[in-house]
Amino acid sequence: MRYKYSLKNPNPKTTQTRRKRPEKWVTGSDPFRREKYYAYIKHRAQAKHRKEDYELTWDDWEALWSDELFLLRGRKRDDMCITRVNKTQPWSASNVVVVSRLEQLRSCAKTMLEKKNK
């Protein structure tokens, strides 16, 4: 399995590579855990971009995504994603669940219909 964020030579024309310091990484030297950490960082950045409050810590996020569930993440209908139970509350350990993408889309559609009918 190739990891998206594993260190590689950024410039193939040179032999110079970035200095690796896995002892300083939050995740240690495990490439799979590092991949999960980058997914967490991107998730947090997207919430910030949408101006949503975000209280999930790395430990909370990692506890939500077991290794098996993390491999099932994606954008297809049966893939898994994380969503908030109550959309008015922040992203926190008590307000998020891991569901299939189809369930998440149905939930969003239901919320939009309720807003439209008010």
Foldseek 3Di string as FASTA:
>chain_A
DDAPPDFDAPDVVDPDGDDDDQVPDPQRPDRLSVSQVVVVVVVVVVCVVVVAAADADSVLSPVQQDVVLVVQADDDQQGKDKDFQDPVHGHYSVGIHIDGNNVVVVVVVVVVVVVVVD
